[in-house]
Amino acid sequence: MSLAANRNRIFSRLRVPVESSADKAALYGLRWMLTILHIPVAFEQLLKPHLPFAVDASLEWDDDLAALGLDSMSIVQLLADIEDTYDIELPDDILNEATFATAGSLWQVLAGLLPADSLAESA
């Protein structure tokens, strides 16, 4: 079962009484955390053209991007595609080896830069 399907199953069973704004914030925080813990299909579709050795299967959180063919030239193009797609400017301090190590590390950094409503749309 995919992470998105698991997340949806959890939400469908999550019957938390929402009585206050604090309850709403806690539930929203849980939903946000579950959203960034999987790689959205839209992000995968953006990333895969830059990975010449990626197979047709879904990307996993710990897939090594360098092993899948991401090199310095493709990183430059990927950065442009990310900025265009998500209408953001990536700060220089995230442009490091750790960010581009795995599919999950890249998504985690990107998800931290996106507005919450964008994450809901990406899920």
PDB file of N, CA and C in Angstrom:
ATOM      1  N   MET A   1       0.845  -1.172   0.000  1.00  0.00           N
ATOM      2  CA  MET A   1       0.000   0.000   0.000  1.00  0.00           C
ATOM      3  C   MET A   1       0.894   1.239   0.000  1.00  0.00           C
ATOM      4  N   SER A   2       0.566   2.196  -0.825  1.00  0.00           N
ATOM      5  CA  SER A   2       1.388   3.394  -0.927  1.00  0.00           C
ATOM      6  C   SER A   2       1.254   4.246   0.332  1.00  0.00           C
ATOM      7  N   LEU A   3       2.228   5.129   0.511  1.00  0.00           N
ATOM      8  CA  LEU A   3       2.167   6.023   1.671  1.00  0.00           C
ATOM      9  C   LEU A   3       0.958   6.941   1.590  1.00  0.00           C
ATOM     10  N   ALA A   4       0.615   7.384   0.388  1.00  0.00           N
ATOM     11  CA  ALA A   4      -0.553   8.248   0.243  1.00  0.00           C
ATOM     12  C   ALA A   4      -1.819   7.502   0.631  1.00  0.00           C
ATOM     13  N   ALA A   5      -1.925   6.244   0.226  1.00  0.00           N
ATOM     14  CA  ALA A   5      -3.093   5.446   0.592  1.00  0.00           C
ATOM     15  C   ALA A   5      -3.134   5.219   2.097  1.00  0.00           C
ATOM     16  N   ASN A   6      -1.970   4.955   2.698  1.00  0.00           N
ATOM     17  CA  ASN A   6      -1.915   4.803   4.153  1.00  0.00           C
ATOM     18  C   ASN A   6      -2.347   6.083   4.849  1.00  0.00           C
ATOM     19  N   ARG A   7      -1.848   7.212   4.360  1.00  0.00           N
ATOM     20  CA  ARG A   7      -2.210   8.485   4.958  1.00  0.00           C
ATOM     21  C   ARG A   7      -3.710   8.712   4.870  1.00  0.00           C
ATOM     22  N   ASN A   8      -4.292   8.427   3.717  1.00  0.00           N
ATOM     23  CA  ASN A   8      -5.734   8.605   3.554  1.00  0.00           C
ATOM     24  C   ASN A   8      -6.518   7.664   4.457  1.00  0.00           C
ATOM     25  N   ARG A   9      -6.029   6.444   4.627  1.00  0.00           N
ATOM     26  CA  ARG A   9      -6.687   5.484   5.512  1.00  0.00           C
ATOM     27  C   ARG A   9      -6.650   5.978   6.955  1.00  0.00           C
ATOM     28  N   ILE A  10      -5.509   6.523   7.358  1.00  0.00           N
ATOM     29  CA  ILE A  10      -5.382   7.053   8.716  1.00  0.00           C
ATOM     30  C   ILE A  10      -6.356   8.209   8.922  1.00  0.00           C
ATOM     31  N   PHE A  11      -6.424   9.128   7.957  1.00  0.00           N
ATOM     32  CA  PHE A  11      -7.328  10.262   8.094  1.00  0.00           C
ATOM     33  C   PHE A  11      -8.781   9.832   8.145  1.00  0.00           C
ATOM     34  N   SER A  12      -9.133   8.817   7.368  1.00  0.00           N
ATOM     35  CA  SER A  12     -10.530   8.387   7.367  1.00  0.00           C
ATOM     36  C   SER A  12     -10.921   7.778   8.708  1.00  0.00           C
ATOM     37  N   ARG A  13      -9.957   7.222   9.428  1.00  0.00           N
ATOM     38  CA  ARG A  13     -10.236   6.647  10.741  1.00  0.00           C
ATOM     39  C   ARG A  13     -10.022   7.629  11.874  1.00  0.00           C
ATOM     40  N   LEU A  14      -9.451   8.752  11.560  1.00  0.00           N
ATOM     41  CA  LEU A  14      -9.121   9.741  12.566  1.00  0.00           C
ATOM     42  C   LEU A  14     -10.363  10.555  12.892  1.00  0.00           C
ATOM     43  N   ARG A  15     -10.974  10.227  13.978  1.00  0.00           N
ATOM     44  CA  ARG A  15     -12.188  10.916  14.389  1.00  0.00           C
ATOM     45  C   ARG A  15     -11.878  11.708  15.660  1.00  0.00           C
ATOM     46  N   VAL A  16     -11.165  12.771  15.463  1.00  0.00           N
ATOM     47  CA  VAL A  16     -10.746  13.611  16.580  1.00  0.00           C
ATOM     48  C   VAL A  16     -11.795  14.698  16.780  1.00  0.00           C
ATOM     49  N   PRO A  17     -12.304  14.806  18.004  1.00  0.00           N
ATOM     50  CA  PRO A  17     -13.252  15.905  18.236  1.00  0.00           C
ATOM     51  C   PRO A  17     -12.522  17.241  18.112  1.00  0.00           C
ATOM     52  N   VAL A  18     -13.001  18.050  17.214  1.00  0.00           N
ATOM     53  CA  VAL A  18     -12.379  19.347  16.980  1.00  0.00           C
ATOM     54  C   VAL A  18     -13.271  20.396  17.621  1.00  0.00           C
ATOM     55  N   GLU A  19     -12.870  20.804  18.822  1.00  0.00           N
ATOM     56  CA  GLU A  19     -13.704  21.721  19.583  1.00  0.00           C
ATOM     57  C   GLU A  19     -13.099  23.106  19.713  1.00  0.00           C
ATOM     58  N   SER A  20     -11.822  23.209  19.503  1.00  0.00           N
ATOM     59  CA  SER A  20     -11.171  24.509  19.685  1.00  0.00           C
ATOM     60  C   SER A  20     -10.200  24.763  18.546  1.00  0.00           C
ATOM     61  N   SER A  21      -9.711  25.980  18.508  1.00  0.00           N
ATOM     62  CA  SER A  21      -8.728  26.297  17.469  1.00  0.00           C
ATOM     63  C   SER A  21      -7.432  25.530  17.713  1.00  0.00           C
ATOM     64  N   ALA A  22      -7.118  25.213  18.983  1.00  0.00           N
ATOM     65  CA  ALA A  22      -5.929  24.412  19.280  1.00  0.00           C
ATOM     66  C   ALA A  22      -6.088  23.001  18.717  1.00  0.00           C
ATOM     67  N   ASP A  23      -7.298  22.434  18.825  1.00  0.00           N
ATOM     68  CA  ASP A  23      -7.560  21.113  18.255  1.00  0.00           C
ATOM     69  C   ASP A  23      -7.390  21.146  16.744  1.00  0.00           C
ATOM     70  N   LYS A  24      -7.905  22.192  16.120  1.00  0.00           N
ATOM     71  CA  LYS A  24      -7.777  22.333  14.665  1.00  0.00           C
ATOM     72  C   LYS A  24      -6.314  22.442  14.266  1.00  0.00           C
ATOM     73  N   ALA A  25      -5.559  23.224  15.029  1.00  0.00           N
ATOM     74  CA  ALA A  25      -4.137  23.397  14.721  1.00  0.00           C
ATOM     75  C   ALA A  25      -3.395  22.077  14.881  1.00  0.00           C
ATOM     76  N   ALA A  26      -3.710  21.310  15.918  1.00  0.00           N
ATOM     77  CA  ALA A  26      -3.047  20.020  16.138  1.00  0.00           C
ATOM     78  C   ALA A  26      -3.374  19.056  15.008  1.00  0.00           C
ATOM     79  N   LEU A  27      -4.624  19.001  14.601  1.00  0.00           N
ATOM     80  CA  LEU A  27      -5.022  18.118  13.509  1.00  0.00           C
ATOM     81  C   LEU A  27      -4.373  18.559  12.208  1.00  0.00           C
ATOM     82  N   TYR A  28      -4.329  19.856  11.975  1.00  0.00           N
ATOM     83  CA  TYR A  28      -3.677  20.377  10.777  1.00  0.00           C
ATOM     84  C   TYR A  28      -2.192  20.009  10.786  1.00  0.00           C
ATOM     85  N   GLY A  29      -1.541  20.139  11.942  1.00  0.00           N
ATOM     86  CA  GLY A  29      -0.120  19.798  12.055  1.00  0.00           C
ATOM     87  C   GLY A  29       0.123  18.334  11.742  1.00  0.00           C
ATOM     88  N   LEU A  30      -0.761  17.456  12.211  1.00  0.00           N
ATOM     89  CA  LEU A  30      -0.652  16.031  11.916  1.00  0.00           C
ATOM     90  C   LEU A  30      -0.797  15.784  10.420  1.00  0.00           C
ATOM     91  N   ARG A  31      -1.762  16.401   9.811  1.00  0.00           N
ATOM     92  CA  ARG A  31      -1.958  16.237   8.369  1.00  0.00           C
ATOM     93  C   ARG A  31      -0.751  16.744   7.593  1.00  0.00           C
ATOM     94  N   TRP A  32      -0.202  17.896   8.007  1.00  0.00           N
ATOM     95  CA  TRP A  32       0.969  18.444   7.335  1.00  0.00           C
ATOM     96  C   TRP A  32       2.149  17.490   7.448  1.00  0.00           C
ATOM     97  N   MET A  33       2.370  16.931   8.650  1.00  0.00           N
ATOM     98  CA  MET A  33       3.496  16.018   8.870  1.00  0.00           C
ATOM     99  C   MET A  33       3.349  14.774   7.994  1.00  0.00           C
ATOM    100  N   LEU A  34       2.149  14.231   7.907  1.00  0.00           N
ATOM    101  CA  LEU A  34       1.949  13.058   7.064  1.00  0.00           C
ATOM    102  C   LEU A  34       2.118  13.406   5.590  1.00  0.00           C
ATOM    103  N   THR A  35       1.816  14.626   5.211  1.00  0.00           N
ATOM    104  CA  THR A  35       1.966  15.052   3.819  1.00  0.00           C
ATOM    105  C   THR A  35       3.425  15.097   3.411  1.00  0.00           C
ATOM    106  N   ILE A  36       4.307  15.582   4.283  1.00  0.00           N
ATOM    107  CA  ILE A  36       5.707  15.685   3.880  1.00  0.00           C
ATOM    108  C   ILE A  36       6.445  14.362   4.014  1.00  0.00           C
ATOM    109  N   LEU A  37       5.806  13.349   4.597  1.00  0.00           N
ATOM    110  CA  LEU A  37       6.487  12.065   4.770  1.00  0.00           C
ATOM    111  C   LEU A  37       6.354  11.151   3.567  1.00  0.00           C
ATOM    112  N   HIS A  38       5.701  11.589   2.548  1.00  0.00           N
ATOM    113  CA  HIS A  38       5.682  10.810   1.309  1.00  0.00           C
ATOM    114  C   HIS A  38       6.019  11.736   0.148  1.00  0.00           C
ATOM    115  N   ILE A  39       6.419  11.133  -0.937  1.00  0.00           N
ATOM    116  CA  ILE A  39       6.792  11.915  -2.112  1.00  0.00           C
ATOM    117  C   ILE A  39       5.563  12.005  -3.022  1.00  0.00           C
ATOM    118  N   PRO A  40       5.022  13.193  -3.201  1.00  0.00           N
ATOM    119  CA  PRO A  40       3.824  13.345  -4.033  1.00  0.00           C
ATOM    120  C   PRO A  40       4.095  12.980  -5.496  1.00  0.00           C
ATOM    121  N   VAL A  41       3.078  12.514  -6.158  1.00  0.00           N
ATOM    122  CA  VAL A  41       3.173  12.122  -7.560  1.00  0.00           C
ATOM    123  C   VAL A  41       3.612  13.317  -8.416  1.00  0.00           C
ATOM    124  N   ALA A  42       3.068  14.482  -8.142  1.00  0.00           N
ATOM    125  CA  ALA A  42       3.419  15.669  -8.931  1.00  0.00           C
ATOM    126  C   ALA A  42       4.917  15.982  -8.816  1.00  0.00           C
ATOM    127  N   PHE A  43       5.473  15.822  -7.612  1.00  0.00           N
ATOM    128  CA  PHE A  43       6.900  16.063  -7.431  1.00  0.00           C
ATOM    129  C   PHE A  43       7.708  14.979  -8.142  1.00  0.00           C
ATOM    130  N   GLU A  44       7.238  13.745  -8.060  1.00  0.00           N
ATOM    131  CA  GLU A  44       7.908  12.649  -8.771  1.00  0.00           C
ATOM    132  C   GLU A  44       7.956  12.911 -10.265  1.00  0.00           C
ATOM    133  N   GLN A  45       6.843  13.385 -10.815  1.00  0.00           N
ATOM    134  CA  GLN A  45       6.777  13.665 -12.244  1.00  0.00           C
ATOM    135  C   GLN A  45       7.708  14.803 -12.630  1.00  0.00           C
ATOM    136  N   LEU A  46       7.920  15.734 -11.727  1.00  0.00           N
ATOM    137  CA  LEU A  46       8.866  16.824 -11.970  1.00  0.00           C
ATOM    138  C   LEU A  46      10.303  16.320 -11.901  1.00  0.00           C
ATOM    139  N   LEU A  47      10.574  15.421 -10.964  1.00  0.00           N
ATOM    140  CA  LEU A  47      11.933  14.955 -10.706  1.00  0.00           C
ATOM    141  C   LEU A  47      12.417  13.904 -11.712  1.00  0.00           C
ATOM    142  N   LYS A  48      11.563  12.991 -12.093  1.00  0.00           N
ATOM    143  CA  LYS A  48      11.991  11.846 -12.915  1.00  0.00           C
ATOM    144  C   LYS A  48      12.658  12.201 -14.244  1.00  0.00           C
ATOM    145  N   PRO A  49      12.242  13.225 -14.966  1.00  0.00           N
ATOM    146  CA  PRO A  49      12.944  13.546 -16.215  1.00  0.00           C
ATOM    147  C   PRO A  49      14.420  13.902 -16.020  1.00  0.00           C
ATOM    148  N   HIS A  50      14.809  14.222 -14.802  1.00  0.00           N
ATOM    149  CA  HIS A  50      16.193  14.574 -14.504  1.00  0.00           C
ATOM    150  C   HIS A  50      16.996  13.364 -14.013  1.00  0.00           C
ATOM    151  N   LEU A  51      16.344  12.209 -13.963  1.00  0.00           N
ATOM    152  CA  LEU A  51      16.969  10.982 -13.455  1.00  0.00           C
ATOM    153  C   LEU A  51      16.997   9.925 -14.558  1.00  0.00           C
ATOM    154  N   PRO A  52      18.043   9.920 -15.382  1.00  0.00           N
ATOM    155  CA  PRO A  52      18.071   9.011 -16.533  1.00  0.00           C
ATOM    156  C   PRO A  52      18.050   7.519 -16.163  1.00  0.00           C
ATOM    157  N   PHE A  53      18.442   7.167 -14.951  1.00  0.00           N
ATOM    158  CA  PHE A  53      18.484   5.759 -14.569  1.00  0.00           C
ATOM    159  C   PHE A  53      17.296   5.346 -13.693  1.00  0.00           C
ATOM    160  N   ALA A  54      16.336   6.241 -13.543  1.00  0.00           N
ATOM    161  CA  ALA A  54      15.146   5.899 -12.749  1.00  0.00           C
ATOM    162  C   ALA A  54      14.260   4.959 -13.557  1.00  0.00           C
ATOM    163  N   VAL A  55      13.734   3.964 -12.893  1.00  0.00           N
ATOM    164  CA  VAL A  55      12.815   3.022 -13.539  1.00  0.00           C
ATOM    165  C   VAL A  55      11.402   3.583 -13.466  1.00  0.00           C
ATOM    166  N   ASP A  56      10.472   2.853 -14.051  1.00  0.00           N
ATOM    167  CA  ASP A  56       9.088   3.319 -14.082  1.00  0.00           C
ATOM    168  C   ASP A  56       8.395   3.263 -12.723  1.00  0.00           C
ATOM    169  N   ALA A  57       8.949   2.543 -11.772  1.00  0.00           N
ATOM    170  CA  ALA A  57       8.325   2.438 -10.451  1.00  0.00           C
ATOM    171  C   ALA A  57       8.393   3.785  -9.725  1.00  0.00           C
ATOM    172  N   SER A  58       7.579   3.908  -8.705  1.00  0.00           N
ATOM    173  CA  SER A  58       7.569   5.123  -7.893  1.00  0.00           C
ATOM    174  C   SER A  58       8.904   5.308  -7.190  1.00  0.00           C
ATOM    175  N   LEU A  59       9.245   6.548  -6.993  1.00  0.00           N
ATOM    176  CA  LEU A  59      10.452   6.855  -6.237  1.00  0.00           C
ATOM    177  C   LEU A  59      10.202   6.580  -4.758  1.00  0.00           C
ATOM    178  N   GLU A  60      11.210   6.063  -4.107  1.00  0.00           N
ATOM    179  CA  GLU A  60      11.134   5.818  -2.674  1.00  0.00           C
ATOM    180  C   GLU A  60      11.877   6.926  -1.944  1.00  0.00           C
ATOM    181  N   TRP A  61      11.561   7.099  -0.675  1.00  0.00           N
ATOM    182  CA  TRP A  61      12.141   8.159   0.138  1.00  0.00           C
ATOM    183  C   TRP A  61      13.665   8.147   0.103  1.00  0.00           C
ATOM    184  N   ASP A  62      14.255   6.943   0.163  1.00  0.00           N
ATOM    185  CA  ASP A  62      15.714   6.842   0.272  1.00  0.00           C
ATOM    186  C   ASP A  62      16.418   6.555  -1.050  1.00  0.00           C
ATOM    187  N   ASP A  63      15.754   6.760  -2.177  1.00  0.00           N
ATOM    188  CA  ASP A  63      16.402   6.571  -3.476  1.00  0.00           C
ATOM    189  C   ASP A  63      17.524   7.596  -3.656  1.00  0.00           C
ATOM    190  N   ASP A  64      18.718   7.094  -3.934  1.00  0.00           N
ATOM    191  CA  ASP A  64      19.916   7.921  -4.112  1.00  0.00           C
ATOM    192  C   ASP A  64      19.838   8.620  -5.469  1.00  0.00           C
ATOM    193  N   LEU A  65      19.747   9.937  -5.445  1.00  0.00           N
ATOM    194  CA  LEU A  65      19.577  10.688  -6.694  1.00  0.00           C
ATOM    195  C   LEU A  65      20.804  10.628  -7.585  1.00  0.00           C
ATOM    196  N   ALA A  66      21.997  10.617  -7.017  1.00  0.00           N
ATOM    197  CA  ALA A  66      23.210  10.514  -7.832  1.00  0.00           C
ATOM    198  C   ALA A  66      23.257   9.162  -8.535  1.00  0.00           C
ATOM    199  N   ALA A  67      22.862   8.102  -7.847  1.00  0.00           N
ATOM    200  CA  ALA A  67      22.843   6.773  -8.450  1.00  0.00           C
ATOM    201  C   ALA A  67      21.809   6.683  -9.573  1.00  0.00           C
ATOM    202  N   LEU A  68      20.782   7.521  -9.495  1.00  0.00           N
ATOM    203  CA  LEU A  68      19.755   7.547 -10.535  1.00  0.00           C
ATOM    204  C   LEU A  68      20.116   8.503 -11.672  1.00  0.00           C
ATOM    205  N   GLY A  69      21.326   9.096 -11.602  1.00  0.00           N
ATOM    206  CA  GLY A  69      21.825   9.896 -12.712  1.00  0.00           C
ATOM    207  C   GLY A  69      21.760  11.400 -12.533  1.00  0.00           C
ATOM    208  N   LEU A  70      21.379  11.881 -11.358  1.00  0.00           N
ATOM    209  CA  LEU A  70      21.346  13.322 -11.153  1.00  0.00           C
ATOM    210  C   LEU A  70      22.780  13.843 -11.010  1.00  0.00           C
ATOM    211  N   ASP A  71      23.167  14.701 -11.928  1.00  0.00           N
ATOM    212  CA  ASP A  71      24.509  15.284 -11.877  1.00  0.00           C
ATOM    213  C   ASP A  71      24.388  16.805 -11.772  1.00  0.00           C
ATOM    214  N   SER A  72      25.518  17.491 -11.765  1.00  0.00           N
ATOM    215  CA  SER A  72      25.507  18.936 -11.540  1.00  0.00           C
ATOM    216  C   SER A  72      24.715  19.687 -12.616  1.00  0.00           C
ATOM    217  N   MET A  73      24.817  19.255 -13.840  1.00  0.00           N
ATOM    218  CA  MET A  73      24.074  19.927 -14.920  1.00  0.00           C
ATOM    219  C   MET A  73      22.572  19.702 -14.773  1.00  0.00           C
ATOM    220  N   SER A  74      22.189  18.480 -14.417  1.00  0.00           N
ATOM    221  CA  SER A  74      20.755  18.215 -14.261  1.00  0.00           C
ATOM    222  C   SER A  74      20.204  18.879 -13.004  1.00  0.00           C
ATOM    223  N   ILE A  75      21.044  19.094 -12.002  1.00  0.00           N
ATOM    224  CA  ILE A  75      20.598  19.812 -10.798  1.00  0.00           C
ATOM    225  C   ILE A  75      20.231  21.249 -11.167  1.00  0.00           C
ATOM    226  N   VAL A  76      21.021  21.884 -11.997  1.00  0.00           N
ATOM    227  CA  VAL A  76      20.740  23.260 -12.407  1.00  0.00           C
ATOM    228  C   VAL A  76      19.378  23.333 -13.107  1.00  0.00           C
ATOM    229  N   GLN A  77      19.132  22.400 -14.014  1.00  0.00           N
ATOM    230  CA  GLN A  77      17.840  22.394 -14.720  1.00  0.00           C
ATOM    231  C   GLN A  77      16.704  22.046 -13.761  1.00  0.00           C
ATOM    232  N   LEU A  78      16.948  21.104 -12.855  1.00  0.00           N
ATOM    233  CA  LEU A  78      15.930  20.727 -11.864  1.00  0.00           C
ATOM    234  C   LEU A  78      15.569  21.928 -10.990  1.00  0.00           C
ATOM    235  N   LEU A  79      16.564  22.681 -10.558  1.00  0.00           N
ATOM    236  CA  LEU A  79      16.293  23.873  -9.742  1.00  0.00           C
ATOM    237  C   LEU A  79      15.380  24.845 -10.487  1.00  0.00           C
ATOM    238  N   ALA A  80      15.667  25.068 -11.759  1.00  0.00           N
ATOM    239  CA  ALA A  80      14.826  25.963 -12.561  1.00  0.00           C
ATOM    240  C   ALA A  80      13.407  25.410 -12.666  1.00  0.00           C
ATOM    241  N   ASP A  81      13.280  24.106 -12.886  1.00  0.00           N
ATOM    242  CA  ASP A  81      11.956  23.498 -12.987  1.00  0.00           C
ATOM    243  C   ASP A  81      11.182  23.587 -11.670  1.00  0.00           C
ATOM    244  N   ILE A  82      11.878  23.371 -10.548  1.00  0.00           N
ATOM    245  CA  ILE A  82      11.228  23.480  -9.239  1.00  0.00           C
ATOM    246  C   ILE A  82      10.740  24.908  -9.011  1.00  0.00           C
ATOM    247  N   GLU A  83      11.600  25.879  -9.289  1.00  0.00           N
ATOM    248  CA  GLU A  83      11.216  27.273  -9.078  1.00  0.00           C
ATOM    249  C   GLU A  83      10.046  27.668  -9.966  1.00  0.00           C
ATOM    250  N   ASP A  84      10.042  27.206 -11.208  1.00  0.00           N
ATOM    251  CA  ASP A  84       8.935  27.527 -12.118  1.00  0.00           C
ATOM    252  C   ASP A  84       7.642  26.829 -11.691  1.00  0.00           C
ATOM    253  N   THR A  85       7.742  25.569 -11.361  1.00  0.00           N
ATOM    254  CA  THR A  85       6.550  24.788 -11.020  1.00  0.00           C
ATOM    255  C   THR A  85       5.893  25.270  -9.734  1.00  0.00           C
ATOM    256  N   TYR A  86       6.699  25.511  -8.714  1.00  0.00           N
ATOM    257  CA  TYR A  86       6.164  25.874  -7.400  1.00  0.00           C
ATOM    258  C   TYR A  86       6.162  27.387  -7.157  1.00  0.00           C
ATOM    259  N   ASP A  87       6.612  28.157  -8.144  1.00  0.00           N
ATOM    260  CA  ASP A  87       6.619  29.613  -8.062  1.00  0.00           C
ATOM    261  C   ASP A  87       7.307  30.100  -6.782  1.00  0.00           C
ATOM    262  N   ILE A  88       8.500  29.568  -6.559  1.00  0.00           N
ATOM    263  CA  ILE A  88       9.299  29.959  -5.400  1.00  0.00           C
ATOM    264  C   ILE A  88      10.728  30.243  -5.856  1.00  0.00           C
ATOM    265  N   GLU A  89      11.480  30.889  -4.998  1.00  0.00           N
ATOM    266  CA  GLU A  89      12.910  31.065  -5.234  1.00  0.00           C
ATOM    267  C   GLU A  89      13.630  30.275  -4.149  1.00  0.00           C
ATOM    268  N   LEU A  90      14.447  29.339  -4.563  1.00  0.00           N
ATOM    269  CA  LEU A  90      15.150  28.493  -3.605  1.00  0.00           C
ATOM    270  C   LEU A  90      16.319  29.255  -2.996  1.00  0.00           C
ATOM    271  N   PRO A  91      16.390  29.289  -1.668  1.00  0.00           N
ATOM    272  CA  PRO A  91      17.502  30.004  -1.026  1.00  0.00           C
ATOM    273  C   PRO A  91      18.820  29.265  -1.222  1.00  0.00           C
ATOM    274  N   ASP A  92      19.890  30.020  -1.302  1.00  0.00           N
ATOM    275  CA  ASP A  92      21.220  29.446  -1.534  1.00  0.00           C
ATOM    276  C   ASP A  92      21.633  28.455  -0.447  1.00  0.00           C
ATOM    277  N   ASP A  93      21.183  28.673   0.789  1.00  0.00           N
ATOM    278  CA  ASP A  93      21.645  27.815   1.890  1.00  0.00           C
ATOM    279  C   ASP A  93      21.127  26.382   1.815  1.00  0.00           C
ATOM    280  N   ILE A  94      20.137  26.115   0.959  1.00  0.00           N
ATOM    281  CA  ILE A  94      19.677  24.726   0.817  1.00  0.00           C
ATOM    282  C   ILE A  94      20.384  24.002  -0.320  1.00  0.00           C
ATOM    283  N   LEU A  95      21.168  24.729  -1.084  1.00  0.00           N
ATOM    284  CA  LEU A  95      21.835  24.144  -2.236  1.00  0.00           C
ATOM    285  C   LEU A  95      23.112  23.445  -1.780  1.00  0.00           C
ATOM    286  N   ASN A  96      22.931  22.249  -1.258  1.00  0.00           N
ATOM    287  CA  ASN A  96      24.064  21.484  -0.749  1.00  0.00           C
ATOM    288  C   ASN A  96      23.866  19.998  -1.042  1.00  0.00           C
ATOM    289  N   GLU A  97      24.893  19.242  -0.793  1.00  0.00           N
ATOM    290  CA  GLU A  97      24.880  17.813  -1.104  1.00  0.00           C
ATOM    291  C   GLU A  97      23.784  17.062  -0.340  1.00  0.00           C
ATOM    292  N   ALA A  98      23.548  17.430   0.897  1.00  0.00           N
ATOM    293  CA  ALA A  98      22.538  16.735   1.709  1.00  0.00           C
ATOM    294  C   ALA A  98      21.139  16.904   1.124  1.00  0.00           C
ATOM    295  N   THR A  99      20.828  18.083   0.610  1.00  0.00           N
ATOM    296  CA  THR A  99      19.514  18.332   0.019  1.00  0.00           C
ATOM    297  C   THR A  99      19.266  17.414  -1.171  1.00  0.00           C
ATOM    298  N   PHE A 100      20.281  17.206  -1.986  1.00  0.00           N
ATOM    299  CA  PHE A 100      20.123  16.432  -3.215  1.00  0.00           C
ATOM    300  C   PHE A 100      20.588  14.984  -3.067  1.00  0.00           C
ATOM    301  N   ALA A 101      20.725  14.506  -1.848  1.00  0.00           N
ATOM    302  CA  ALA A 101      21.189  13.137  -1.625  1.00  0.00           C
ATOM    303  C   ALA A 101      20.137  12.102  -2.019  1.00  0.00           C
ATOM    304  N   THR A 102      18.906  12.297  -1.580  1.00  0.00           N
ATOM    305  CA  THR A 102      17.848  11.321  -1.863  1.00  0.00           C
ATOM    306  C   THR A 102      16.589  12.051  -2.314  1.00  0.00           C
ATOM    307  N   ALA A 103      15.672  11.297  -2.868  1.00  0.00           N
ATOM    308  CA  ALA A 103      14.389  11.877  -3.260  1.00  0.00           C
ATOM    309  C   ALA A 103      13.675  12.448  -2.036  1.00  0.00           C
ATOM    310  N   GLY A 104      13.756  11.741  -0.930  1.00  0.00           N
ATOM    311  CA  GLY A 104      13.105  12.195   0.296  1.00  0.00           C
ATOM    312  C   GLY A 104      13.728  13.449   0.873  1.00  0.00           C
ATOM    313  N   SER A 105      15.053  13.530   0.855  1.00  0.00           N
ATOM    314  CA  SER A 105      15.702  14.727   1.412  1.00  0.00           C
ATOM    315  C   SER A 105      15.363  15.956   0.569  1.00  0.00           C
ATOM    316  N   LEU A 106      15.295  15.792  -0.733  1.00  0.00           N
ATOM    317  CA  LEU A 106      14.939  16.917  -1.597  1.00  0.00           C
ATOM    318  C   LEU A 106      13.495  17.338  -1.359  1.00  0.00           C
ATOM    319  N   TRP A 107      12.575  16.364  -1.287  1.00  0.00           N
ATOM    320  CA  TRP A 107      11.173  16.707  -1.045  1.00  0.00           C
ATOM    321  C   TRP A 107      11.004  17.349   0.337  1.00  0.00           C
ATOM    322  N   GLN A 108      11.693  16.841   1.343  1.00  0.00           N
ATOM    323  CA  GLN A 108      11.559  17.390   2.689  1.00  0.00           C
ATOM    324  C   GLN A 108      11.981  18.859   2.725  1.00  0.00           C
ATOM    325  N   VAL A 109      13.084  19.187   2.075  1.00  0.00           N
ATOM    326  CA  VAL A 109      13.538  20.580   2.028  1.00  0.00           C
ATOM    327  C   VAL A 109      12.530  21.431   1.256  1.00  0.00           C
ATOM    328  N   LEU A 110      12.081  20.942   0.118  1.00  0.00           N
ATOM    329  CA  LEU A 110      11.125  21.693  -0.689  1.00  0.00           C
ATOM    330  C   LEU A 110       9.807  21.879   0.056  1.00  0.00           C
ATOM    331  N   ALA A 111       9.310  20.825   0.692  1.00  0.00           N
ATOM    332  CA  ALA A 111       8.045  20.915   1.426  1.00  0.00           C
ATOM    333  C   ALA A 111       8.124  21.948   2.543  1.00  0.00           C
ATOM    334  N   GLY A 112       9.301  22.091   3.140  1.00  0.00           N
ATOM    335  CA  GLY A 112       9.478  23.087   4.187  1.00  0.00           C
ATOM    336  C   GLY A 112       9.431  24.516   3.669  1.00  0.00           C
ATOM    337  N   LEU A 113       9.597  24.699   2.370  1.00  0.00           N
ATOM    338  CA  LEU A 113       9.579  26.036   1.768  1.00  0.00           C
ATOM    339  C   LEU A 113       8.221  26.402   1.177  1.00  0.00           C
ATOM    340  N   LEU A 114       7.368  25.399   0.998  1.00  0.00           N
ATOM    341  CA  LEU A 114       6.086  25.639   0.345  1.00  0.00           C
ATOM    342  C   LEU A 114       5.015  26.061   1.331  1.00  0.00           C
ATOM    343  N   PRO A 115       4.084  26.901   0.901  1.00  0.00           N
ATOM    344  CA  PRO A 115       2.943  27.229   1.759  1.00  0.00           C
ATOM    345  C   PRO A 115       2.118  25.968   2.012  1.00  0.00           C
ATOM    346  N   ALA A 116       1.465  25.913   3.142  1.00  0.00           N
ATOM    347  CA  ALA A 116       0.710  24.718   3.539  1.00  0.00           C
ATOM    348  C   ALA A 116      -0.347  24.325   2.517  1.00  0.00           C
ATOM    349  N   ASP A 117      -1.001  25.299   1.886  1.00  0.00           N
ATOM    350  CA  ASP A 117      -2.022  24.949   0.909  1.00  0.00           C
ATOM    351  C   ASP A 117      -1.429  24.274  -0.317  1.00  0.00           C
ATOM    352  N   SER A 118      -0.179  24.563  -0.643  1.00  0.00           N
ATOM    353  CA  SER A 118       0.499  23.876  -1.748  1.00  0.00           C
ATOM    354  C   SER A 118       0.745  22.413  -1.405  1.00  0.00           C
ATOM    355  N   LEU A 119       1.056  22.149  -0.137  1.00  0.00           N
ATOM    356  CA  LEU A 119       1.297  20.769   0.285  1.00  0.00           C
ATOM    357  C   LEU A 119       0.029  19.947   0.158  1.00  0.00           C
ATOM    358  N   ALA A 120      -1.092  20.523   0.518  1.00  0.00           N
ATOM    359  CA  ALA A 120      -2.362  19.808   0.428  1.00  0.00           C
ATOM    360  C   ALA A 120      -2.667  19.465  -1.031  1.00  0.00           C
ATOM    361  N   GLU A 121      -2.341  20.385  -1.944  1.00  0.00           N
ATOM    362  CA  GLU A 121      -2.566  20.130  -3.358  1.00  0.00           C
ATOM    363  C   GLU A 121      -1.607  19.083  -3.907  1.00  0.00           C
ATOM    364  N   SER A 122      -0.407  19.001  -3.333  1.00  0.00           N
ATOM    365  CA  SER A 122       0.607  18.055  -3.796  1.00  0.00           C
ATOM    366  C   SER A 122       0.353  16.630  -3.337  1.00  0.00           C
ATOM    367  N   ALA A 123      -0.411  16.496  -2.270  1.00  0.00           N
ATOM    368  CA  ALA A 123      -0.610  15.175  -1.649  1.00  0.00           C
ATOM    369  C   ALA A 123      -1.351  14.215  -2.539  1.00  0.00           C
TER     370      ALA A 123
END
